[in-house]
Amino acid sequence: MSKLFAFLAATIILGFLILRCSSGQDFNASLAVPTPIDNPQSLAKIALGRQLFFDKRLSIDGTIACASCHDPQKAFTDQLSKSRGIKGQLSERNAPSLLNAAFLKTAMFDAHLASLELQAIVPIQEPVEMGHNMKLLLQQLRQIPEYQAAAQRIFQRDFDAYVLTRSLAAFERSLLSMNAPFDRYIAGDQKAMNHDQIAGWKLFSEKLYCTQCHPAPYFTTHVAANNGLYASYEGKTDLGRFRIHHDSSDIGKFKIPSLRNIPLTFPYMHDGSIQSLDQVLAHYQKGGAKNPQQDPRITPFVLSPNEKKQLLAFFDALIDTSYLKRDRF
């Protein structure tokens, strides 16, 4: 049933794209954003979530906002290996992009949180990120007339954790980036991608089968996997999904990231240890670091200089920054 649902959803999305192709309008405007029953989208809710997202008062010392690590000008990342939190502390992981978060099946690198509503409170309370006490924070936000009035108007309740999480999640679901040259090409515009980009897409999908882990349209399977980043995790403080269930088979497993806007979301990997896409390709060309629990789909491959150029060109075709103008960031 889940496979059938996924197929139907992809068909609907492609249908929307085809309808919009001839008009030249932004495909993002046609996307049906999946939302939980208890948190339907509304412009007012998104606007409140946007205010909260950029508000540094959500951190204990007033120095860090959600946007500090998820900057719209940097494809909602911070382009740092590891994000900086309060008091200059470094987080344990690289900040992933929030673009297209609406379509995530799970949140966080461990792929263990079921919704954006649950994810929203994690960085706020994380000691090295925003480091706030939720009870104290809610008391403070309730005393801000603008926030209290918005909570009453939109949710008919005082500002509380429900208002905070639902508003932030609604804003994150509004961050759409599905209007790339690739989307227009797939929808029938044969001129949307150049020769190298088309050749790169064929390499990506038909020769290297990268679509096994990064299938269109979201270019992720939304699941955690061991990509062989390290030959051994012995001595590493971050063991990946292992921290959730303490299952040894989960050591080194991190959620497969989307490749959308990938040239803009450097550095790469869960710990930001790889600085460029050239280095990413080199990692996979050698077949990973041969970790004993490495995903079996990762095997060595050879690329000619021209094929490498074409593959990198294809990644450029996954860039869509129309949200910067559309949402006036």
Protein backbone atom coordinates (compact mmCIF):
# COMPACT_ATOMS: atom_id res chain seq x y z
CA MET A 1 0.00 0.00 0.00
CA SER A 2 2.79 2.43 0.85
CA LYS A 3 4.47 1.84 -2.53
CA LEU A 4 1.16 2.44 -4.31
CA PHE A 5 0.61 5.66 -2.35
CA ALA A 6 4.13 6.86 -3.20
CA PHE A 7 3.57 6.09 -6.89
CA LEU A 8 0.25 7.93 -6.96
CA ALA A 9 1.72 10.91 -5.13
CA ALA A 10 4.63 11.12 -7.59
CA THR A 11 2.16 10.87 -10.50
CA ILE A 12 0.05 13.71 -9.12
CA ILE A 13 3.12 15.90 -8.62
CA LEU A 14 4.36 15.20 -12.15
CA GLY A 15 0.88 15.99 -13.47
CA PHE A 16 0.94 19.38 -11.78
CA LEU A 17 4.36 20.08 -13.26
CA ILE A 18 3.20 19.22 -16.77
CA LEU A 19 0.16 21.47 -16.42
CA ARG A 20 2.42 24.37 -15.41
CA CYS A 21 5.15 23.74 -17.96
CA SER A 22 3.56 25.63 -20.83
CA SER A 23 2.58 28.62 -18.69
CA GLY A 24 6.07 29.21 -17.33
CA GLN A 25 4.75 29.65 -13.82
CA ASP A 26 6.60 28.56 -10.70
CA PHE A 27 6.01 24.82 -10.21
CA ASN A 28 6.20 25.32 -6.45
CA ALA A 29 2.84 27.09 -6.56
CA SER A 30 1.20 23.89 -7.80
CA LEU A 31 2.60 21.50 -5.23
CA ALA A 32 0.25 19.86 -2.77
CA VAL A 33 2.00 20.14 0.60
CA PRO A 34 1.27 17.18 2.91
CA THR A 35 0.19 18.36 6.35
CA PRO A 36 -0.92 16.59 9.54
CA ILE A 37 -4.61 16.69 10.42
CA ASP A 38 -3.94 18.78 13.52
CA ASN A 39 -1.88 21.41 11.70
CA PRO A 40 -3.36 22.53 8.37
CA GLN A 41 -1.46 25.27 6.57
CA SER A 42 -2.62 28.87 6.74
CA LEU A 43 -0.96 32.13 5.76
CA ALA A 44 -1.36 33.51 9.28
CA LYS A 45 0.24 30.45 10.82
CA ILE A 46 3.13 30.54 8.35
CA ALA A 47 3.67 34.24 9.08
CA LEU A 48 3.84 33.58 12.83
CA GLY A 49 6.23 30.67 12.26
CA ARG A 50 8.42 32.90 10.12
CA GLN A 51 8.67 35.50 12.90
CA LEU A 52 9.63 32.82 15.41
CA PHE A 53 12.15 31.29 12.99
CA PHE A 54 14.14 34.53 12.83
CA ASP A 55 13.70 35.46 16.52
CA LYS A 56 16.92 35.12 18.55
CA ARG A 57 14.88 35.25 21.75
CA LEU A 58 14.23 31.55 21.24
CA SER A 59 17.79 30.95 22.49
CA ILE A 60 18.68 31.27 26.17
CA ASP A 61 21.08 34.21 25.66
CA GLY A 62 19.33 35.86 22.71
CA THR A 63 22.15 35.22 20.23
CA ILE A 64 20.88 32.32 18.10
CA ALA A 65 17.75 31.97 15.95
CA CYS A 66 16.64 29.00 13.87
CA ALA A 67 17.81 31.06 10.88
CA SER A 68 21.33 31.22 12.31
CA CYS A 69 21.88 27.62 11.23
CA HIS A 70 19.31 27.62 8.41
CA ASP A 71 20.01 30.79 6.46
CA PRO A 72 17.73 31.43 3.44
CA GLN A 73 20.69 32.98 1.59
CA LYS A 74 22.57 29.68 1.97
CA ALA A 75 19.77 27.33 0.89
CA PHE A 76 18.65 27.13 4.53
CA THR A 77 21.99 25.77 5.73
CA ASP A 78 24.89 27.69 7.31
CA GLN A 79 27.61 26.29 5.00
CA LEU A 80 29.66 25.36 8.06
CA SER A 81 31.01 21.90 8.87
CA LYS A 82 29.23 22.07 12.22
CA SER A 83 26.84 24.77 13.33
CA ARG A 84 27.68 27.33 16.01
CA GLY A 85 25.29 27.60 18.93
CA ILE A 86 25.17 29.71 22.08
CA LYS A 87 28.51 30.70 23.61
CA GLY A 88 30.26 29.70 20.39
CA GLN A 89 29.68 26.00 20.99
CA LEU A 90 29.75 23.65 18.02
CA SER A 91 26.95 21.22 17.31
CA GLU A 92 27.74 17.59 16.66
CA ARG A 93 26.41 17.55 13.11
CA ASN A 94 26.22 19.54 9.91
CA ALA A 95 23.01 21.57 9.49
CA PRO A 96 20.86 20.09 6.69
CA SER A 97 18.77 22.27 4.42
CA LEU A 98 15.14 22.82 5.40
CA LEU A 99 14.01 23.29 1.81
CA ASN A 100 11.26 20.81 0.89
CA ALA A 101 11.06 19.68 4.54
CA ALA A 102 7.31 19.33 3.96
CA PHE A 103 7.96 16.08 2.09
CA LEU A 104 10.18 14.44 4.68
CA LYS A 105 8.91 11.14 6.03
CA THR A 106 11.03 11.58 9.16
CA ALA A 107 13.09 14.39 10.67
CA MET A 108 16.69 14.53 11.95
CA PHE A 109 19.78 12.65 10.72
CA ASP A 110 18.72 9.63 12.77
CA ALA A 111 15.42 9.47 10.85
CA HIS A 112 13.55 8.92 14.09
CA LEU A 113 11.18 11.85 14.59
CA ALA A 114 7.84 11.46 12.87
CA SER A 115 7.01 15.12 12.26
CA LEU A 116 8.36 18.64 11.92
CA GLU A 117 6.31 19.54 14.98
CA LEU A 118 8.42 17.18 17.08
CA GLN A 119 11.64 18.35 15.44
CA ALA A 120 10.98 22.02 16.17
CA ILE A 121 11.65 21.76 19.91
CA VAL A 122 14.91 19.80 19.63
CA PRO A 123 17.38 22.60 18.74
CA ILE A 124 15.63 25.01 21.11
CA GLN A 125 16.44 22.78 24.08
CA GLU A 126 19.77 21.37 22.85
CA PRO A 127 22.48 22.72 25.21
CA VAL A 128 25.01 23.44 22.46
CA GLU A 129 22.48 24.95 20.05
CA MET A 130 19.83 27.29 21.52
CA GLY A 131 19.99 25.91 25.06
CA HIS A 132 16.65 27.19 26.35
CA ASN A 133 14.34 25.77 29.00
CA MET A 134 11.00 25.19 27.29
CA LYS A 135 8.87 26.11 30.30
CA LEU A 136 10.75 29.38 30.78
CA LEU A 137 10.77 30.17 27.06
CA LEU A 138 7.01 29.76 26.75
CA GLN A 139 6.47 32.08 29.68
CA GLN A 140 8.68 34.68 28.01
CA LEU A 141 7.03 34.40 24.60
CA ARG A 142 3.57 34.62 26.17
CA GLN A 143 4.55 38.01 27.59
CA ILE A 144 5.28 39.38 24.12
CA PRO A 145 2.01 41.07 23.09
CA GLU A 146 2.46 40.35 19.37
CA TYR A 147 2.97 36.63 19.93
CA GLN A 148 0.20 36.29 22.51
CA ALA A 149 -2.26 38.10 20.25
CA ALA A 150 -1.31 35.90 17.30
CA ALA A 151 -1.78 32.76 19.38
CA GLN A 152 -5.24 33.88 20.41
CA ARG A 153 -6.20 34.90 16.88
CA ILE A 154 -4.89 31.85 15.05
CA PHE A 155 -5.19 29.07 17.61
CA GLN A 156 -7.70 30.49 20.11
CA ARG A 157 -5.36 29.75 23.00
CA ASP A 158 -2.53 31.30 24.97
CA PHE A 159 0.95 31.02 23.50
CA ASP A 160 2.18 27.55 24.46
CA ALA A 161 4.19 24.63 23.09
CA TYR A 162 1.37 23.73 20.72
CA VAL A 163 1.42 27.21 19.17
CA LEU A 164 5.21 27.29 18.98
CA THR A 165 5.66 23.90 17.31
CA ARG A 166 2.70 24.17 14.94
CA SER A 167 3.74 27.62 13.74
CA LEU A 168 7.39 26.73 13.16
CA ALA A 169 6.39 23.52 11.36
CA ALA A 170 3.91 25.40 9.16
CA PHE A 171 6.63 27.86 8.14
CA GLU A 172 9.07 25.05 7.37
CA ARG A 173 6.44 23.34 5.18
CA SER A 174 6.17 26.53 3.14
CA LEU A 175 9.84 26.34 2.09
CA LEU A 176 9.48 24.81 -1.36
CA SER A 177 12.25 24.41 -3.91
CA MET A 178 10.95 22.22 -6.74
CA ASN A 179 11.26 24.63 -9.66
CA ALA A 180 14.75 23.64 -10.81
CA PRO A 181 15.79 23.18 -14.47
CA PHE A 182 15.46 19.41 -13.85
CA ASP A 183 11.78 19.81 -12.93
CA ARG A 184 11.05 21.80 -16.07
CA TYR A 185 12.97 19.26 -18.19
CA ILE A 186 11.05 16.31 -16.76
CA ALA A 187 7.81 18.21 -17.34
CA GLY A 188 8.60 18.41 -21.04
CA ASP A 189 10.75 21.49 -21.55
CA GLN A 190 13.65 19.97 -23.47
CA LYS A 191 15.58 23.25 -23.36
CA ALA A 192 15.49 23.54 -19.57
CA MET A 193 18.73 21.52 -19.22
CA ASN A 194 21.79 21.81 -21.40
CA HIS A 195 23.62 18.94 -23.12
CA ASP A 196 25.98 18.23 -20.21
CA GLN A 197 23.16 18.30 -17.68
CA ILE A 198 21.07 15.84 -19.70
CA ALA A 199 24.09 13.55 -20.09
CA GLY A 200 24.76 13.87 -16.35
CA TRP A 201 21.18 12.88 -15.53
CA LYS A 202 21.55 9.77 -17.69
CA LEU A 203 24.81 8.91 -15.92
CA PHE A 204 23.19 9.49 -12.55
CA SER A 205 20.09 7.42 -13.25
CA GLU A 206 21.07 4.84 -15.88
CA LYS A 207 24.79 4.10 -15.46
CA LEU A 208 25.54 4.72 -11.80
CA TYR A 209 22.01 4.01 -10.48
CA CYS A 210 22.36 6.79 -7.91
CA THR A 211 18.56 6.87 -7.94
CA GLN A 212 18.59 3.81 -5.69
CA CYS A 213 19.34 6.17 -2.80
CA HIS A 214 18.47 9.50 -4.42
CA PRO A 215 15.31 8.99 -6.50
CA ALA A 216 13.39 11.87 -8.05
CA PRO A 217 11.49 13.97 -7.27
CA TYR A 218 12.92 14.49 -3.77
CA PHE A 219 16.31 12.84 -4.44
CA THR A 220 16.27 10.95 -1.15
CA THR A 221 14.63 7.80 0.17
CA HIS A 222 14.21 9.50 3.57
CA VAL A 223 15.81 6.51 5.34
CA ALA A 224 19.06 6.10 7.25
CA ALA A 225 21.98 4.23 5.69
CA ASN A 226 25.70 3.67 6.23
CA ASN A 227 27.49 5.32 3.30
CA GLY A 228 30.95 4.08 4.26
CA LEU A 229 32.20 7.51 5.27
CA TYR A 230 34.60 5.94 7.77
CA ALA A 231 36.19 2.49 7.74
CA SER A 232 35.48 2.26 11.46
CA TYR A 233 33.43 4.27 13.95
CA GLU A 234 35.57 3.12 16.84
CA GLY A 235 36.49 6.19 18.85
CA LYS A 236 33.86 8.34 17.12
CA THR A 237 31.49 10.20 19.41
CA ASP A 238 28.67 10.22 16.85
CA LEU A 239 27.60 6.70 15.95
CA GLY A 240 24.53 7.75 14.00
CA ARG A 241 21.15 6.06 14.41
CA PHE A 242 22.75 3.73 16.97
CA ARG A 243 21.97 6.39 19.60
CA ILE A 244 18.24 5.80 19.17
CA HIS A 245 17.87 2.06 19.77
CA HIS A 246 21.44 1.03 20.61
CA ASP A 247 21.27 -1.51 17.82
CA SER A 248 24.83 -2.25 16.62
CA SER A 249 23.57 -2.63 13.03
CA ASP A 250 22.69 1.08 13.11
CA ILE A 251 26.25 2.26 13.75
CA GLY A 252 27.23 4.72 11.04
CA LYS A 253 23.70 5.07 9.69
CA PHE A 254 22.51 8.60 8.92
CA LYS A 255 19.51 9.71 6.91
CA ILE A 256 20.20 9.96 3.19
CA PRO A 257 20.12 13.69 2.34
CA SER A 258 18.28 15.22 -0.58
CA LEU A 259 20.50 16.31 -3.47
CA ARG A 260 18.30 19.27 -4.33
CA ASN A 261 20.36 22.47 -4.27
CA ILE A 262 23.39 20.28 -3.49
CA PRO A 263 25.98 22.72 -4.96
CA LEU A 264 24.76 25.29 -2.39
CA THR A 265 24.63 23.10 0.72
CA PHE A 266 28.34 22.44 1.27
CA PRO A 267 30.16 21.10 3.22
CA TYR A 268 28.87 17.56 2.97
CA MET A 269 28.18 14.47 5.07
CA HIS A 270 26.60 14.38 8.53
CA ASP A 271 29.71 15.90 10.09
CA GLY A 272 30.58 18.33 7.31
CA SER A 273 33.89 16.53 6.79
CA ILE A 274 33.88 16.72 2.97
CA GLN A 275 34.25 20.20 1.52
CA SER A 276 33.42 19.83 -2.17
CA LEU A 277 31.34 17.78 -4.60
CA ASP A 278 34.59 16.69 -6.28
CA GLN A 279 35.57 15.07 -2.96
CA VAL A 280 32.12 13.55 -2.56
CA LEU A 281 32.42 11.90 -5.96
CA ALA A 282 35.91 10.67 -5.09
CA HIS A 283 34.53 9.03 -1.94
CA TYR A 284 31.89 7.13 -3.89
CA GLN A 285 34.14 6.36 -6.85
CA LYS A 286 36.42 4.37 -4.58
CA GLY A 287 33.39 2.57 -3.16
CA GLY A 288 33.42 4.25 0.23
CA ALA A 289 35.82 3.52 3.06
CA LYS A 290 34.82 -0.18 3.17
CA ASN A 291 33.04 -0.04 6.50
CA PRO A 292 31.88 -3.56 7.50
CA GLN A 293 28.28 -2.31 7.73
CA GLN A 294 28.45 -0.14 4.64
CA ASP A 295 25.36 -0.18 2.42
CA PRO A 296 25.92 -2.83 -0.29
CA ARG A 297 24.69 -0.44 -2.99
CA ILE A 298 27.90 1.56 -2.62
CA THR A 299 30.43 0.00 -5.00
CA PRO A 300 33.42 1.44 -6.90
CA PHE A 301 32.90 3.03 -10.30
CA VAL A 302 34.97 4.83 -12.90
CA LEU A 303 34.23 8.22 -14.45
CA SER A 304 36.08 9.85 -17.30
CA PRO A 305 36.92 13.55 -16.86
CA ASN A 306 34.10 14.42 -19.23
CA GLU A 307 31.59 12.24 -17.38
CA LYS A 308 32.57 13.85 -14.11
CA LYS A 309 31.99 17.27 -15.66
CA GLN A 310 28.58 16.13 -16.88
CA LEU A 311 27.59 14.73 -13.49
CA LEU A 312 28.54 17.97 -11.74
CA ALA A 313 26.59 19.89 -14.38
CA PHE A 314 23.52 17.79 -13.57
CA PHE A 315 23.79 18.76 -9.91
CA ASP A 316 23.58 22.39 -11.02
CA ALA A 317 20.26 21.51 -12.67
CA LEU A 318 18.86 20.70 -9.21
CA ILE A 319 19.25 24.29 -8.01
CA ASP A 320 16.09 26.32 -7.42
CA THR A 321 16.42 29.54 -5.45
CA SER A 322 13.12 31.03 -6.60
CA TYR A 323 12.00 31.01 -2.97
CA LEU A 324 14.36 33.93 -2.30
CA LYS A 325 12.32 36.18 -4.55
CA ARG A 326 8.95 34.57 -3.94
CA ASP A 327 9.17 34.79 -0.16
CA ARG A 328 11.39 37.91 -0.13
CA PHE A 329 14.14 36.56 2.05
